[in-house]
Amino acid sequence: MKIGFEMRLVLVFCLLCVCPFPSYGEPGRGDVALGVNFPGFGARCFLSDRTALELKGQFETNAMVGGLRGYYYFSRKSKCPLFAGLEGDYVKFKGDSSKGTGLAAELFVGGEYFFAKRLSFQLDLGPTLVSLDDKDTSESVNGLEYVANFGINYYFGR
């Protein structure tokens, strides 16, 4: 039996929720976070108490998006820290009649809710400028879209 990518993400999340991890410090104070989002994953590293960088990948049947996010946290000491940030992505797609690559840039605002000492639910949204080039037809498409991201993060370190 072959297990799909989405099912693997669900299994990893379930293992993170069930396994007894040691907890140190206050909620969300880890130096590193691993996240599962729909439909992908991310790895976040805090550079200071208020700034973080995240490598992010998302995969669908005919598309792949990989990029870097920069976060600015207004405060990480609450159970619901708020943040703002910028994201830059590389996009690759292949459809029935087209295939190509592109870039995306997003400005986002959002927050996290810590439902356990080291686990948080994250939601953010914002405008995204998307530029795609079709290799077969040499056509280009540019536009502004609004994107919402949600996921679950596991914090560790410190």
N, C-alpha and C. Protein backbone atom coordinates (compact mmCIF):
# COMPACT_ATOMS: atom_id res chain seq x y z
N MET A 1 0.84 -1.18 0.00
CA MET A 1 0.00 0.00 0.00
C MET A 1 0.88 1.24 0.00
N LYS A 2 0.66 2.13 -0.95
CA LYS A 2 1.45 3.35 -1.07
C LYS A 2 0.76 4.48 -0.30
N ILE A 3 1.52 5.17 0.55
CA ILE A 3 0.98 6.26 1.34
C ILE A 3 1.32 7.58 0.65
N GLY A 4 0.29 8.43 0.42
CA GLY A 4 0.46 9.72 -0.24
C GLY A 4 1.13 10.74 0.66
N PHE A 5 1.56 11.83 0.06
CA PHE A 5 2.26 12.89 0.78
C PHE A 5 1.40 13.49 1.88
N GLU A 6 0.12 13.75 1.58
CA GLU A 6 -0.77 14.34 2.57
C GLU A 6 -0.92 13.43 3.78
N MET A 7 -1.01 12.12 3.54
CA MET A 7 -1.16 11.17 4.64
C MET A 7 0.10 11.14 5.49
N ARG A 8 1.26 11.28 4.88
CA ARG A 8 2.52 11.34 5.63
C ARG A 8 2.54 12.56 6.55
N LEU A 9 2.07 13.72 6.04
CA LEU A 9 2.02 14.92 6.88
C LEU A 9 1.10 14.71 8.08
N VAL A 10 -0.03 14.07 7.87
CA VAL A 10 -0.96 13.81 8.97
C VAL A 10 -0.32 12.88 9.99
N LEU A 11 0.40 11.85 9.53
CA LEU A 11 1.07 10.92 10.44
C LEU A 11 2.15 11.61 11.26
N VAL A 12 2.93 12.49 10.64
CA VAL A 12 3.98 13.23 11.36
C VAL A 12 3.33 14.11 12.43
N PHE A 13 2.26 14.80 12.07
CA PHE A 13 1.57 15.64 13.05
C PHE A 13 1.05 14.81 14.22
N CYS A 14 0.44 13.67 13.93
CA CYS A 14 -0.09 12.81 15.00
C CYS A 14 1.03 12.35 15.93
N LEU A 15 2.19 11.99 15.37
CA LEU A 15 3.32 11.58 16.19
C LEU A 15 3.79 12.72 17.09
N LEU A 16 3.83 13.94 16.55
CA LEU A 16 4.25 15.09 17.35
C LEU A 16 3.29 15.33 18.51
N CYS A 17 2.00 15.09 18.29
CA CYS A 17 1.00 15.32 19.35
C CYS A 17 1.00 14.23 20.41
N VAL A 18 1.36 13.01 20.02
CA VAL A 18 1.25 11.87 20.93
C VAL A 18 2.53 11.62 21.72
N CYS A 19 3.68 11.84 21.10
CA CYS A 19 4.97 11.54 21.74
C CYS A 19 5.22 12.48 22.92
N PRO A 20 5.73 11.96 24.02
CA PRO A 20 6.02 12.81 25.18
C PRO A 20 7.34 13.56 25.01
N PHE A 21 7.26 14.83 24.64
CA PHE A 21 8.46 15.64 24.47
C PHE A 21 8.73 16.41 25.76
N PRO A 22 9.99 16.58 26.13
CA PRO A 22 10.28 17.39 27.31
C PRO A 22 9.98 18.86 27.02
N SER A 23 9.52 19.59 28.01
CA SER A 23 9.20 21.01 27.85
C SER A 23 10.11 21.84 28.73
N TYR A 24 10.65 22.88 28.18
CA TYR A 24 11.52 23.79 28.91
C TYR A 24 11.06 25.21 28.64
N GLY A 25 11.07 26.04 29.65
CA GLY A 25 10.75 27.45 29.46
C GLY A 25 9.27 27.72 29.29
N GLU A 26 8.96 28.94 28.86
CA GLU A 26 7.58 29.35 28.70
C GLU A 26 7.09 29.02 27.29
N PRO A 27 5.78 29.10 27.04
CA PRO A 27 5.23 28.72 25.76
C PRO A 27 5.86 29.47 24.59
N GLY A 28 6.20 28.73 23.55
CA GLY A 28 6.69 29.34 22.33
C GLY A 28 8.07 29.94 22.40
N ARG A 29 8.84 29.61 23.41
CA ARG A 29 10.14 30.23 23.57
C ARG A 29 11.26 29.40 22.96
N GLY A 30 10.94 28.37 22.21
CA GLY A 30 11.98 27.57 21.58
C GLY A 30 12.70 28.36 20.50
N ASP A 31 13.93 27.97 20.22
CA ASP A 31 14.72 28.62 19.19
C ASP A 31 14.34 28.17 17.78
N VAL A 32 13.74 26.99 17.66
CA VAL A 32 13.42 26.40 16.37
C VAL A 32 11.99 25.87 16.41
N ALA A 33 11.31 25.96 15.27
CA ALA A 33 9.97 25.39 15.14
C ALA A 33 9.88 24.61 13.84
N LEU A 34 9.28 23.44 13.91
CA LEU A 34 8.95 22.67 12.72
C LEU A 34 7.45 22.76 12.54
N GLY A 35 7.01 23.02 11.32
CA GLY A 35 5.60 23.22 11.09
C GLY A 35 5.07 22.36 9.96
N VAL A 36 3.80 22.02 10.09
CA VAL A 36 3.06 21.33 9.05
C VAL A 36 1.94 22.27 8.64
N ASN A 37 1.89 22.61 7.34
CA ASN A 37 0.84 23.49 6.84
C ASN A 37 0.15 22.81 5.67
N PHE A 38 -0.95 23.37 5.24
CA PHE A 38 -1.63 22.76 4.10
C PHE A 38 -1.17 23.43 2.84
N PRO A 39 -0.57 22.76 1.93
CA PRO A 39 -0.17 21.35 1.88
C PRO A 39 1.35 21.20 1.91
N GLY A 40 1.99 21.47 3.02
CA GLY A 40 3.44 21.38 3.04
C GLY A 40 4.02 21.40 4.43
N PHE A 41 5.23 22.00 4.54
CA PHE A 41 5.97 22.00 5.79
C PHE A 41 6.85 23.23 5.86
N GLY A 42 7.39 23.50 7.06
CA GLY A 42 8.30 24.61 7.22
C GLY A 42 9.23 24.38 8.40
N ALA A 43 10.36 25.05 8.38
CA ALA A 43 11.33 25.01 9.48
C ALA A 43 11.71 26.45 9.80
N ARG A 44 11.42 26.88 11.04
CA ARG A 44 11.61 28.26 11.47
C ARG A 44 12.73 28.34 12.49
N CYS A 45 13.59 29.34 12.35
CA CYS A 45 14.68 29.57 13.29
C CYS A 45 14.63 31.03 13.75
N PHE A 46 14.67 31.23 15.07
CA PHE A 46 14.60 32.57 15.62
C PHE A 46 16.00 33.17 15.68
N LEU A 47 16.13 34.37 15.10
CA LEU A 47 17.39 35.10 15.11
C LEU A 47 17.50 35.96 16.36
N SER A 48 16.36 36.39 16.88
CA SER A 48 16.28 37.15 18.13
C SER A 48 14.92 36.85 18.75
N ASP A 49 14.59 37.54 19.82
CA ASP A 49 13.31 37.30 20.48
C ASP A 49 12.13 37.73 19.61
N ARG A 50 12.36 38.63 18.66
CA ARG A 50 11.27 39.16 17.83
C ARG A 50 11.37 38.82 16.36
N THR A 51 12.48 38.30 15.88
CA THR A 51 12.63 38.02 14.45
C THR A 51 12.95 36.55 14.19
N ALA A 52 12.41 36.05 13.08
CA ALA A 52 12.63 34.66 12.70
C ALA A 52 12.66 34.53 11.19
N LEU A 53 13.35 33.50 10.71
CA LEU A 53 13.35 33.12 9.30
C LEU A 53 12.80 31.71 9.19
N GLU A 54 12.06 31.45 8.10
CA GLU A 54 11.47 30.13 7.90
C GLU A 54 11.67 29.69 6.46
N LEU A 55 12.19 28.48 6.28
CA LEU A 55 12.21 27.82 4.97
C LEU A 55 10.90 27.07 4.84
N LYS A 56 10.23 27.24 3.71
CA LYS A 56 8.89 26.70 3.55
C LYS A 56 8.76 26.00 2.22
N GLY A 57 8.07 24.87 2.22
CA GLY A 57 7.79 24.14 0.98
C GLY A 57 6.34 23.69 0.97
N GLN A 58 5.69 23.82 -0.19
CA GLN A 58 4.32 23.36 -0.35
C GLN A 58 4.21 22.60 -1.66
N PHE A 59 3.47 21.50 -1.62
CA PHE A 59 3.39 20.61 -2.77
C PHE A 59 1.94 20.23 -3.05
N GLU A 60 1.54 20.38 -4.28
CA GLU A 60 0.24 19.92 -4.76
C GLU A 60 0.50 18.97 -5.91
N THR A 61 -0.55 18.43 -6.48
CA THR A 61 -0.41 17.45 -7.55
C THR A 61 0.41 17.99 -8.72
N ASN A 62 0.12 19.21 -9.17
CA ASN A 62 0.80 19.77 -10.33
C ASN A 62 1.58 21.04 -10.04
N ALA A 63 1.88 21.31 -8.78
CA ALA A 63 2.59 22.54 -8.44
C ALA A 63 3.47 22.34 -7.23
N MET A 64 4.56 23.14 -7.20
CA MET A 64 5.49 23.13 -6.08
C MET A 64 5.86 24.58 -5.79
N VAL A 65 5.85 24.96 -4.51
CA VAL A 65 6.23 26.30 -4.09
C VAL A 65 7.26 26.16 -2.98
N GLY A 66 8.38 26.83 -3.12
CA GLY A 66 9.42 26.83 -2.09
C GLY A 66 9.89 28.24 -1.85
N GLY A 67 10.10 28.59 -0.58
CA GLY A 67 10.50 29.95 -0.34
C GLY A 67 11.02 30.22 1.05
N LEU A 68 11.24 31.49 1.31
CA LEU A 68 11.78 31.97 2.57
C LEU A 68 10.83 33.03 3.12
N ARG A 69 10.53 32.93 4.43
CA ARG A 69 9.69 33.90 5.12
C ARG A 69 10.50 34.59 6.19
N GLY A 70 10.25 35.87 6.36
CA GLY A 70 10.82 36.63 7.46
C GLY A 70 9.70 37.10 8.36
N TYR A 71 9.82 36.85 9.68
CA TYR A 71 8.79 37.19 10.66
C TYR A 71 9.28 38.29 11.58
N TYR A 72 8.36 39.18 11.97
CA TYR A 72 8.59 40.10 13.07
C TYR A 72 7.46 39.89 14.07
N TYR A 73 7.80 39.41 15.27
CA TYR A 73 6.82 39.17 16.33
C TYR A 73 6.69 40.43 17.17
N PHE A 74 5.46 40.87 17.39
CA PHE A 74 5.23 42.04 18.24
C PHE A 74 5.49 41.71 19.70
N SER A 75 5.18 40.47 20.11
CA SER A 75 5.51 39.96 21.43
C SER A 75 5.36 38.44 21.38
N ARG A 76 6.33 37.72 21.93
CA ARG A 76 6.23 36.26 21.96
C ARG A 76 5.85 35.75 23.34
N LYS A 77 5.57 36.63 24.28
CA LYS A 77 5.34 36.21 25.65
C LYS A 77 3.89 35.84 25.94
N SER A 78 2.97 36.12 25.04
CA SER A 78 1.57 35.80 25.28
C SER A 78 1.23 34.41 24.71
N LYS A 79 0.04 33.95 25.02
CA LYS A 79 -0.44 32.68 24.50
C LYS A 79 -0.84 32.82 23.02
N CYS A 80 -1.07 34.06 22.59
CA CYS A 80 -1.47 34.35 21.20
C CYS A 80 -0.56 35.43 20.61
N PRO A 81 0.70 35.11 20.30
CA PRO A 81 1.59 36.13 19.73
C PRO A 81 1.17 36.52 18.31
N LEU A 82 1.25 37.83 18.03
CA LEU A 82 0.94 38.36 16.71
C LEU A 82 2.23 38.67 15.97
N PHE A 83 2.19 38.60 14.62
CA PHE A 83 3.37 38.85 13.82
C PHE A 83 2.99 39.45 12.48
N ALA A 84 4.01 39.98 11.80
CA ALA A 84 3.90 40.46 10.42
C ALA A 84 5.16 39.99 9.71
N GLY A 85 5.11 39.95 8.38
CA GLY A 85 6.31 39.51 7.68
C GLY A 85 6.23 39.60 6.17
N LEU A 86 7.32 39.15 5.56
CA LEU A 86 7.46 39.11 4.11
C LEU A 86 7.84 37.69 3.70
N GLU A 87 7.38 37.30 2.51
CA GLU A 87 7.71 35.97 1.98
C GLU A 87 8.08 36.10 0.51
N GLY A 88 9.11 35.37 0.09
CA GLY A 88 9.50 35.27 -1.32
C GLY A 88 9.54 33.80 -1.71
N ASP A 89 8.93 33.46 -2.87
CA ASP A 89 8.80 32.06 -3.28
C ASP A 89 9.20 31.84 -4.73
N TYR A 90 9.66 30.63 -4.99
CA TYR A 90 9.86 30.11 -6.34
C TYR A 90 8.71 29.15 -6.61
N VAL A 91 8.08 29.27 -7.77
CA VAL A 91 6.92 28.46 -8.12
C VAL A 91 7.24 27.64 -9.36
N LYS A 92 6.85 26.36 -9.34
CA LYS A 92 6.99 25.49 -10.50
C LYS A 92 5.66 24.78 -10.69
N PHE A 93 5.15 24.75 -11.93
CA PHE A 93 3.85 24.13 -12.18
C PHE A 93 3.86 23.35 -13.49
N LYS A 94 2.95 22.40 -13.58
CA LYS A 94 2.78 21.60 -14.80
C LYS A 94 1.31 21.20 -14.88
N GLY A 95 0.64 21.66 -15.92
CA GLY A 95 -0.77 21.35 -16.13
C GLY A 95 -0.95 20.51 -17.38
N ASP A 96 -2.19 20.32 -17.79
CA ASP A 96 -2.48 19.54 -19.00
C ASP A 96 -1.97 20.22 -20.25
N SER A 97 -2.05 21.54 -20.31
CA SER A 97 -1.63 22.26 -21.52
C SER A 97 -0.53 23.27 -21.29
N SER A 98 0.03 23.31 -20.08
CA SER A 98 1.09 24.28 -19.82
C SER A 98 2.02 23.78 -18.71
N LYS A 99 3.21 24.35 -18.72
CA LYS A 99 4.16 24.11 -17.63
C LYS A 99 5.10 25.30 -17.58
N GLY A 100 5.62 25.56 -16.39
CA GLY A 100 6.52 26.69 -16.29
C GLY A 100 6.93 26.98 -14.86
N THR A 101 7.46 28.17 -14.68
CA THR A 101 7.97 28.60 -13.39
C THR A 101 7.53 30.03 -13.11
N GLY A 102 7.81 30.48 -11.91
CA GLY A 102 7.48 31.84 -11.57
C GLY A 102 7.96 32.22 -10.19
N LEU A 103 7.58 33.42 -9.80
CA LEU A 103 7.95 33.96 -8.50
C LEU A 103 6.71 34.51 -7.81
N ALA A 104 6.75 34.54 -6.48
CA ALA A 104 5.66 35.13 -5.70
C ALA A 104 6.28 35.89 -4.54
N ALA A 105 5.66 37.01 -4.18
CA ALA A 105 6.09 37.81 -3.04
C ALA A 105 4.85 38.18 -2.23
N GLU A 106 4.90 37.92 -0.91
CA GLU A 106 3.74 38.13 -0.06
C GLU A 106 4.09 39.02 1.13
N LEU A 107 3.18 39.89 1.49
CA LEU A 107 3.21 40.66 2.71
C LEU A 107 2.09 40.09 3.57
N PHE A 108 2.40 39.65 4.81
CA PHE A 108 1.37 38.98 5.59
C PHE A 108 1.34 39.47 7.04
N VAL A 109 0.17 39.27 7.67
CA VAL A 109 -0.03 39.50 9.09
C VAL A 109 -0.75 38.28 9.64
N GLY A 110 -0.51 37.97 10.91
CA GLY A 110 -1.17 36.80 11.48
C GLY A 110 -0.82 36.62 12.93
N GLY A 111 -1.10 35.40 13.40
CA GLY A 111 -0.84 35.08 14.79
C GLY A 111 -0.80 33.60 15.02
N GLU A 112 -0.39 33.24 16.22
CA GLU A 112 -0.35 31.85 16.64
C GLU A 112 -1.18 31.71 17.91
N TYR A 113 -1.71 30.53 18.12
CA TYR A 113 -2.42 30.21 19.36
C TYR A 113 -1.79 28.95 19.92
N PHE A 114 -1.20 29.05 21.13
CA PHE A 114 -0.56 27.90 21.76
C PHE A 114 -1.61 27.08 22.50
N PHE A 115 -1.92 25.90 21.95
CA PHE A 115 -2.89 25.01 22.59
C PHE A 115 -2.19 23.99 23.48
N ALA A 116 -0.88 23.95 23.46
CA ALA A 116 -0.05 23.14 24.35
C ALA A 116 1.24 23.93 24.56
N LYS A 117 2.07 23.47 25.48
CA LYS A 117 3.28 24.23 25.82
C LYS A 117 4.19 24.47 24.61
N ARG A 118 4.31 23.50 23.74
CA ARG A 118 5.20 23.60 22.59
C ARG A 118 4.49 23.50 21.24
N LEU A 119 3.16 23.43 21.23
CA LEU A 119 2.40 23.30 19.98
C LEU A 119 1.51 24.51 19.77
N SER A 120 1.56 25.04 18.55
CA SER A 120 0.72 26.20 18.24
C SER A 120 0.00 26.01 16.92
N PHE A 121 -1.16 26.62 16.82
CA PHE A 121 -1.90 26.73 15.56
C PHE A 121 -1.59 28.10 15.00
N GLN A 122 -1.26 28.20 13.72
CA GLN A 122 -0.88 29.46 13.09
C GLN A 122 -1.82 29.79 11.95
N LEU A 123 -2.18 31.07 11.84
CA LEU A 123 -2.97 31.57 10.73
C LEU A 123 -2.43 32.92 10.32
N ASP A 124 -2.19 33.11 9.02
CA ASP A 124 -1.79 34.42 8.51
C ASP A 124 -2.38 34.62 7.13
N LEU A 125 -2.47 35.87 6.72
CA LEU A 125 -3.02 36.18 5.41
C LEU A 125 -2.46 37.50 4.91
N GLY A 126 -2.54 37.68 3.59
CA GLY A 126 -2.05 38.91 3.01
C GLY A 126 -2.05 38.89 1.50
N PRO A 127 -1.77 40.05 0.91
CA PRO A 127 -1.71 40.14 -0.55
C PRO A 127 -0.41 39.52 -1.07
N THR A 128 -0.52 38.84 -2.21
CA THR A 128 0.62 38.16 -2.83
C THR A 128 0.71 38.55 -4.29
N LEU A 129 1.85 39.04 -4.71
CA LEU A 129 2.10 39.36 -6.11
C LEU A 129 2.70 38.11 -6.75
N VAL A 130 2.03 37.59 -7.80
CA VAL A 130 2.44 36.36 -8.46
C VAL A 130 2.80 36.66 -9.90
N SER A 131 3.93 36.11 -10.36
CA SER A 131 4.37 36.25 -11.74
C SER A 131 4.74 34.86 -12.26
N LEU A 132 4.02 34.38 -13.28
CA LEU A 132 4.25 33.04 -13.83
C LEU A 132 4.56 33.12 -15.31
N ASP A 133 5.48 32.26 -15.77
CA ASP A 133 5.85 32.17 -17.18
C ASP A 133 5.60 30.75 -17.67
N ASP A 134 4.83 30.62 -18.77
CA ASP A 134 4.56 29.33 -19.40
C ASP A 134 5.68 29.05 -20.39
N LYS A 135 6.38 27.94 -20.24
CA LYS A 135 7.51 27.62 -21.12
C LYS A 135 7.07 27.20 -22.51
N ASP A 136 5.92 26.53 -22.64
CA ASP A 136 5.46 26.04 -23.94
C ASP A 136 4.96 27.15 -24.85
N THR A 137 4.28 28.15 -24.29
CA THR A 137 3.68 29.21 -25.11
C THR A 137 4.39 30.55 -24.96
N SER A 138 5.35 30.66 -24.09
CA SER A 138 6.07 31.90 -23.81
C SER A 138 5.14 33.01 -23.32
N GLU A 139 4.01 32.64 -22.73
CA GLU A 139 3.10 33.62 -22.14
C GLU A 139 3.47 33.87 -20.69
N SER A 140 3.18 35.10 -20.24
CA SER A 140 3.43 35.48 -18.86
C SER A 140 2.15 35.99 -18.24
N VAL A 141 1.97 35.70 -16.96
CA VAL A 141 0.82 36.17 -16.21
C VAL A 141 1.32 36.80 -14.91
N ASN A 142 0.86 38.00 -14.64
CA ASN A 142 1.19 38.70 -13.39
C ASN A 142 -0.12 39.13 -12.74
N GLY A 143 -0.18 39.00 -11.42
CA GLY A 143 -1.40 39.42 -10.75
C GLY A 143 -1.24 39.47 -9.24
N LEU A 144 -2.23 40.08 -8.62
CA LEU A 144 -2.27 40.19 -7.17
C LEU A 144 -3.35 39.25 -6.66
N GLU A 145 -2.98 38.36 -5.76
CA GLU A 145 -3.92 37.41 -5.15
C GLU A 145 -3.85 37.60 -3.64
N TYR A 146 -4.88 37.14 -2.95
CA TYR A 146 -4.87 37.14 -1.49
C TYR A 146 -4.74 35.71 -1.01
N VAL A 147 -3.78 35.47 -0.13
CA VAL A 147 -3.44 34.11 0.30
C VAL A 147 -3.60 34.00 1.82
N ALA A 148 -4.21 32.90 2.26
CA ALA A 148 -4.30 32.58 3.68
C ALA A 148 -3.50 31.31 3.92
N ASN A 149 -2.67 31.30 4.94
CA ASN A 149 -1.87 30.13 5.32
C ASN A 149 -2.27 29.70 6.72
N PHE A 150 -2.38 28.40 6.91
CA PHE A 150 -2.62 27.89 8.26
C PHE A 150 -1.82 26.62 8.46
N GLY A 151 -1.44 26.38 9.72
CA GLY A 151 -0.63 25.21 10.03
C GLY A 151 -0.46 25.02 11.52
N ILE A 152 0.31 24.00 11.86
CA ILE A 152 0.60 23.68 13.25
C ILE A 152 2.11 23.62 13.42
N ASN A 153 2.62 24.25 14.47
CA ASN A 153 4.06 24.33 14.73
C ASN A 153 4.42 23.61 16.02
N TYR A 154 5.58 22.94 16.01
CA TYR A 154 6.15 22.34 17.21
C TYR A 154 7.45 23.05 17.52
N TYR A 155 7.56 23.65 18.69
CA TYR A 155 8.75 24.41 19.11
C TYR A 155 9.66 23.56 19.99
N PHE A 156 10.97 23.71 19.78
CA PHE A 156 11.94 23.04 20.64
C PHE A 156 13.20 23.90 20.72
N GLY A 157 14.10 23.50 21.61
CA GLY A 157 15.32 24.27 21.82
C GLY A 157 15.19 25.13 23.06
N ARG A 158 16.26 25.79 23.40
CA ARG A 158 16.37 26.68 24.55
C ARG A 158 15.93 26.02 25.80
